[in-house]
Amino acid sequence: MNIEELITFVTLANTKNFRLTSEQLFCSPSTISARIQTLEQELGEKLFERNNKSVRITDSGSIFYPYAKEMLVLWNKGKENISTGSQFRKHITISAPASIWTSETLSIVQTLMEANRSTAYHLVAYHSIEVLERLANNTIDFGLTLQKSWHPDLECVELRSSSSLFLVASPSISLPTDFLLTPDTIQHVPFCFVKQNKLVDFWFENNYKCNSYYLSAENMPIFIQLLLNGLGIGFLPERCALPYLKSGQLVSYPYMFSDTLPQETIYGVYHKGNLSKIADILQAFNCIKNN
């Protein structure tokens, strides 16, 4: 088993298409097929069912997939650490959902960098569940999540709780001055949707009874750009909305059911065996409790 076979397997599992996989990896479809066949022979299991029209990952392939992804993460992390090893004494990977990587959290990282010139930092964005999985596997060092962990090997510290959610839009969108978002008016405006966290998503679905949207986004950075470009109106958590409200790039509107908003909590999470390694990071992020 080699790294090219693992990369090919993960890419094909994602694309489910030999042609797209060959284009992404800059090699011929026959090379892709040969690598998969070699990997299947080494594992003694069929990883894909394929015919002339489609590719389907097998049960064995699905079991192997997360392990292959983690092996690639470790491979890349090892390469990175080797390449910077002569310059830095410590390498730290910090991960959080994209919506948490705001100017506030990035300024904390900047402060850490200035105080620790011999440490190399690697920042990545994953959903909360994936952050917790990678922390448990010890492939990242510190995580900020919107979900509490009960894993016995992880320490979970509550950093901030807030129930503030802003309904925002670009000033270029024309709405009545007395506009109020309700289960009725949401049907008549260009409402944009992005998943936030389970509690907020349940609150929205339960109150607004809306299951189709004018526009939806896969993640928060894309969603914010849609709003800034005047393509719709939507909800942003306070940590994301405030910079744009202060600058005038977005304006806020009232909405029903604001008094029943659930608390959103940001947690700092780390592997218990890594406390000495990330103690300064935990201390630095503790400051957001009081902000």
Protein backbone atom coordinates (compact mmCIF):
# COMPACT_ATOMS: atom_id res chain seq x y z
CA MET A 1 0.00 0.00 0.00
CA ASN A 2 1.40 3.40 -0.92
CA ILE A 3 0.27 7.00 -0.60
CA GLU A 4 -0.79 7.27 -4.26
CA GLU A 5 -3.17 4.33 -3.81
CA LEU A 6 -4.70 5.93 -0.71
CA ILE A 7 -5.13 9.30 -2.46
CA THR A 8 -6.73 7.54 -5.43
CA PHE A 9 -9.09 5.55 -3.22
CA VAL A 10 -10.27 8.61 -1.25
CA THR A 11 -10.67 10.72 -4.41
CA LEU A 12 -12.67 8.01 -6.21
CA ALA A 13 -14.83 7.49 -3.12
CA ASN A 14 -15.64 11.22 -3.21
CA THR A 15 -16.21 11.59 -6.97
CA LYS A 16 -17.64 8.12 -7.70
CA ASN A 17 -16.35 8.68 -11.21
CA PHE A 18 -13.17 7.34 -12.81
CA ARG A 19 -12.92 10.15 -15.36
CA LEU A 20 -13.25 12.91 -12.75
CA THR A 21 -10.78 11.14 -10.49
CA SER A 22 -8.23 10.85 -13.31
CA GLU A 23 -8.68 14.55 -14.13
CA GLN A 24 -8.20 15.59 -10.49
CA LEU A 25 -5.09 13.41 -10.09
CA PHE A 26 -3.67 14.16 -13.57
CA CYS A 27 -3.36 10.56 -14.68
CA SER A 28 -5.21 8.17 -16.99
CA PRO A 29 -8.36 6.21 -16.01
CA SER A 30 -6.38 3.00 -16.54
CA THR A 31 -3.87 4.15 -13.91
CA ILE A 32 -6.72 4.86 -11.49
CA SER A 33 -8.16 1.40 -12.12
CA ALA A 34 -4.76 -0.26 -11.61
CA ARG A 35 -4.18 1.51 -8.30
CA ILE A 36 -7.62 0.51 -6.99
CA GLN A 37 -7.11 -3.10 -8.08
CA THR A 38 -3.72 -3.21 -6.31
CA LEU A 39 -5.25 -1.81 -3.13
CA GLU A 40 -8.12 -4.30 -3.29
CA GLN A 41 -5.64 -7.16 -3.67
CA GLU A 42 -3.61 -5.95 -0.69
CA LEU A 43 -6.72 -5.63 1.50
CA GLY A 44 -8.35 -8.78 0.20
CA GLU A 45 -11.66 -6.97 -0.21
CA LYS A 46 -13.64 -5.37 -3.01
CA LEU A 47 -13.73 -1.60 -2.41
CA PHE A 48 -15.92 -0.53 -5.34
CA GLU A 49 -18.67 -2.03 -7.48
CA ARG A 50 -18.28 -0.65 -10.98
CA ASN A 51 -19.92 -0.94 -14.37
CA ASN A 52 -19.96 1.15 -17.52
CA LYS A 53 -22.27 3.77 -16.02
CA SER A 54 -21.53 4.12 -12.32
CA VAL A 55 -19.18 3.47 -9.40
CA ARG A 56 -20.47 2.50 -5.98
CA ILE A 57 -18.39 2.11 -2.84
CA THR A 58 -18.89 -1.26 -1.13
CA ASP A 59 -19.50 -1.87 2.57
CA SER A 60 -15.81 -2.77 2.94
CA GLY A 61 -14.85 0.43 1.13
CA SER A 62 -17.06 2.48 3.45
CA ILE A 63 -15.39 0.91 6.48
CA PHE A 64 -11.92 1.59 5.09
CA TYR A 65 -12.69 5.17 3.96
CA PRO A 66 -12.32 7.05 7.32
CA TYR A 67 -9.07 5.19 8.05
CA ALA A 68 -7.69 6.10 4.64
CA LYS A 69 -8.58 9.77 5.24
CA GLU A 70 -6.82 9.74 8.61
CA MET A 71 -3.73 8.12 7.10
CA LEU A 72 -3.58 10.94 4.55
CA VAL A 73 -3.98 13.53 7.31
CA LEU A 74 -1.11 11.98 9.26
CA TRP A 75 1.02 11.73 6.11
CA ASN A 76 0.50 15.41 5.28
CA LYS A 77 1.05 16.45 8.89
CA GLY A 78 4.27 14.45 9.02
CA LYS A 79 5.53 16.01 5.77
CA GLU A 80 4.68 19.48 7.05
CA ASN A 81 6.44 18.94 10.37
CA ILE A 82 9.56 17.59 8.65
CA SER A 83 9.68 20.53 6.26
CA THR A 84 9.47 23.07 9.10
CA GLY A 85 11.28 21.01 11.74
CA SER A 86 14.56 22.85 11.53
CA GLN A 87 12.92 26.23 12.11
CA PHE A 88 10.25 25.46 14.75
CA ARG A 89 10.40 23.50 18.01
CA LYS A 90 6.64 22.87 18.18
CA HIS A 91 3.83 22.35 15.66
CA ILE A 92 0.22 23.03 16.65
CA THR A 93 -2.92 22.30 14.62
CA ILE A 94 -6.03 24.23 15.65
CA SER A 95 -9.41 23.42 14.12
CA ALA A 96 -12.89 24.94 14.31
CA PRO A 97 -16.04 25.26 12.20
CA ALA A 98 -15.72 27.95 9.56
CA SER A 99 -18.24 30.17 11.38
CA ILE A 100 -15.94 30.35 14.44
CA TRP A 101 -12.95 31.55 12.44
CA THR A 102 -13.83 35.24 12.84
CA SER A 103 -11.60 38.28 13.28
CA GLU A 104 -11.80 37.74 17.05
CA THR A 105 -10.47 34.17 17.05
CA LEU A 106 -7.90 34.93 14.36
CA SER A 107 -6.58 37.85 16.42
CA ILE A 108 -6.06 35.40 19.31
CA VAL A 109 -3.99 33.19 17.01
CA GLN A 110 -2.01 36.24 15.90
CA THR A 111 -1.24 37.04 19.55
CA LEU A 112 -0.10 33.46 20.10
CA MET A 113 2.16 33.62 17.05
CA GLU A 114 3.78 36.84 18.22
CA ALA A 115 4.40 35.38 21.68
CA ASN A 116 5.69 32.01 20.42
CA ARG A 117 8.01 32.57 17.47
CA SER A 118 9.35 29.01 17.71
CA THR A 119 5.90 27.44 17.23
CA ALA A 120 4.34 26.72 13.82
CA TYR A 121 0.53 26.94 13.69
CA HIS A 122 -1.74 25.18 11.22
CA LEU A 123 -5.40 26.33 11.08
CA VAL A 124 -8.12 24.15 9.55
CA ALA A 125 -11.91 24.31 9.31
CA TYR A 126 -14.08 21.26 10.01
CA HIS A 127 -17.61 20.76 11.29
CA SER A 128 -17.81 20.29 15.07
CA ILE A 129 -18.31 16.52 14.85
CA GLU A 130 -15.23 16.10 12.65
CA VAL A 131 -13.19 18.35 14.96
CA LEU A 132 -14.07 16.06 17.88
CA GLU A 133 -13.27 12.93 15.87
CA ARG A 134 -9.85 14.26 14.92
CA LEU A 135 -9.13 15.33 18.50
CA ALA A 136 -9.99 11.83 19.71
CA ASN A 137 -7.66 10.39 17.05
CA ASN A 138 -4.97 12.88 18.12
CA THR A 139 -4.53 14.27 14.59
CA ILE A 140 -5.23 17.84 15.72
CA ASP A 141 -4.11 19.51 18.94
CA PHE A 142 -6.84 21.96 19.92
CA GLY A 143 -10.39 22.51 18.73
CA LEU A 144 -13.20 25.03 19.07
CA THR A 145 -16.59 23.38 18.66
CA LEU A 146 -20.30 24.07 18.97
CA GLN A 147 -20.87 20.61 20.38
CA LYS A 148 -19.87 19.24 23.77
CA SER A 149 -17.74 16.12 23.88
CA TRP A 150 -18.25 13.23 26.28
CA HIS A 151 -15.27 11.26 25.00
CA PRO A 152 -13.24 9.92 27.96
CA ASP A 153 -9.92 11.03 26.41
CA LEU A 154 -11.03 14.61 25.68
CA GLU A 155 -11.27 17.61 27.99
CA CYS A 156 -14.07 20.02 27.12
CA VAL A 157 -14.05 23.60 28.48
CA GLU A 158 -17.01 25.96 28.05
CA LEU A 159 -15.75 29.25 26.64
CA ARG A 160 -18.86 31.24 25.76
CA SER A 161 -22.64 30.91 25.68
CA SER A 162 -24.88 33.24 23.72
CA SER A 163 -28.44 33.28 22.43
CA SER A 164 -27.92 36.23 20.08
CA LEU A 165 -28.95 35.69 16.48
CA PHE A 166 -29.29 38.54 13.98
CA LEU A 167 -31.56 38.61 10.95
CA VAL A 168 -29.48 40.57 8.44
CA ALA A 169 -29.40 41.73 4.85
CA SER A 170 -27.46 44.12 2.66
CA PRO A 171 -28.75 47.73 2.66
CA SER A 172 -29.25 47.26 -1.08
CA ILE A 173 -32.21 44.94 -0.42
CA SER A 174 -35.44 46.90 -0.29
CA LEU A 175 -37.64 45.89 2.65
CA PRO A 176 -40.41 47.86 4.41
CA THR A 177 -39.18 49.91 7.37
CA ASP A 178 -41.59 48.01 9.63
CA PHE A 179 -40.59 44.59 8.28
CA LEU A 180 -40.90 41.68 10.70
CA LEU A 181 -39.95 38.13 9.78
CA THR A 182 -42.83 35.75 10.52
CA PRO A 183 -43.90 32.33 9.21
CA ASP A 184 -45.97 34.25 6.67
CA THR A 185 -43.54 36.98 5.55
CA ILE A 186 -40.68 34.50 5.14
CA GLN A 187 -42.55 33.17 2.10
CA HIS A 188 -42.40 36.58 0.40
CA VAL A 189 -38.75 37.62 0.83
CA PRO A 190 -35.50 36.22 -0.66
CA PHE A 191 -34.68 34.19 2.43
CA CYS A 192 -31.28 32.49 2.51
CA PHE A 193 -30.51 29.49 4.72
CA VAL A 194 -27.40 27.88 6.17
CA LYS A 195 -27.21 25.13 8.79
CA GLN A 196 -25.81 26.51 12.05
CA ASN A 197 -26.12 24.00 14.90
CA LYS A 198 -28.72 21.42 15.90
CA LEU A 199 -30.49 23.57 18.49
CA VAL A 200 -30.74 26.67 16.30
CA ASP A 201 -31.78 24.62 13.26
CA PHE A 202 -34.53 22.92 15.31
CA TRP A 203 -35.69 26.31 16.64
CA PHE A 204 -35.94 27.66 13.10
CA GLU A 205 -37.73 24.62 11.62
CA ASN A 206 -40.13 24.36 14.54
CA ASN A 207 -41.17 28.03 14.45
CA TYR A 208 -41.02 29.04 10.79
CA LYS A 209 -42.21 25.75 9.22
CA CYS A 210 -40.11 26.51 6.16
CA ASN A 211 -38.61 23.62 4.19
CA SER A 212 -37.74 25.32 0.91
CA TYR A 213 -35.50 28.33 0.49
CA TYR A 214 -34.82 30.97 -2.11
CA LEU A 215 -31.12 30.27 -1.66
CA SER A 216 -29.04 28.03 0.62
CA ALA A 217 -25.32 27.70 1.28
CA GLU A 218 -23.04 24.84 2.28
CA ASN A 219 -21.05 26.80 4.86
CA MET A 220 -20.92 30.13 6.68
CA PRO A 221 -18.25 31.92 4.57
CA ILE A 222 -20.26 31.32 1.38
CA PHE A 223 -23.46 32.34 3.17
CA ILE A 224 -21.96 35.62 4.38
CA GLN A 225 -20.81 36.47 0.86
CA LEU A 226 -24.33 35.86 -0.46
CA LEU A 227 -25.70 38.30 2.12
CA LEU A 228 -23.01 40.92 1.47
CA ASN A 229 -23.71 40.72 -2.26
CA GLY A 230 -27.37 41.52 -1.66
CA LEU A 231 -28.72 38.14 -2.72
CA GLY A 232 -31.00 37.63 0.26
CA ILE A 233 -31.83 37.95 3.95
CA GLY A 234 -30.82 35.41 6.61
CA PHE A 235 -29.75 34.65 10.16
CA LEU A 236 -26.20 35.12 11.42
CA PRO A 237 -24.85 34.36 14.89
CA GLU A 238 -23.67 37.40 16.80
CA ARG A 239 -19.96 36.57 16.40
CA CYS A 240 -20.35 36.67 12.60
CA ALA A 241 -22.83 39.51 12.29
CA LEU A 242 -21.36 42.25 14.49
CA PRO A 243 -18.37 43.28 12.31
CA TYR A 244 -20.64 43.75 9.28
CA LEU A 245 -23.33 45.57 11.27
CA LYS A 246 -20.75 47.96 12.70
CA SER A 247 -19.29 48.67 9.26
CA GLY A 248 -22.75 49.18 7.72
CA GLN A 249 -22.29 46.38 5.20
CA LEU A 250 -25.32 44.63 6.70
CA VAL A 251 -28.41 45.89 8.52
CA SER A 252 -30.56 43.95 10.97
CA TYR A 253 -34.31 43.35 11.11
CA PRO A 254 -36.62 42.09 13.86
CA TYR A 255 -38.09 38.61 13.80
CA MET A 256 -40.62 36.55 15.72
CA PHE A 257 -39.67 33.94 18.33
CA SER A 258 -36.45 35.71 19.35
CA ASP A 259 -37.42 35.18 23.00
CA THR A 260 -37.22 31.39 22.57
CA LEU A 261 -33.76 31.23 20.99
CA PRO A 262 -31.61 28.42 22.41
CA GLN A 263 -28.18 29.05 23.90
CA GLU A 264 -25.24 28.48 21.58
CA THR A 265 -22.07 27.41 23.39
CA ILE A 266 -18.50 27.46 22.12
CA TYR A 267 -16.23 24.84 23.69
CA GLY A 268 -12.47 24.56 23.77
CA VAL A 269 -11.52 20.89 23.43
CA TYR A 270 -8.21 19.05 23.64
CA HIS A 271 -6.82 15.58 24.21
CA LYS A 272 -6.07 15.08 27.91
CA GLY A 273 -2.57 13.85 27.10
CA ASN A 274 -1.77 17.14 25.32
CA LEU A 275 -2.49 19.65 28.09
CA SER A 276 1.13 20.71 28.52
CA LYS A 277 1.40 21.20 24.75
CA ILE A 278 -1.67 23.43 24.40
CA ALA A 279 -1.84 25.14 27.83
CA ASP A 280 -0.97 28.57 26.40
CA ILE A 281 -3.59 28.13 23.64
CA LEU A 282 -6.31 27.28 26.15
CA GLN A 283 -5.37 30.29 28.24
CA ALA A 284 -5.43 32.55 25.19
CA PHE A 285 -8.88 31.40 24.05
CA ASN A 286 -10.25 31.70 27.59
CA CYS A 287 -10.33 35.46 27.04
CA ILE A 288 -13.41 35.15 24.82
CA LYS A 289 -15.42 34.26 27.94
CA ASN A 290 -15.46 37.88 28.97
CA ASN A 291 -15.83 39.50 25.53
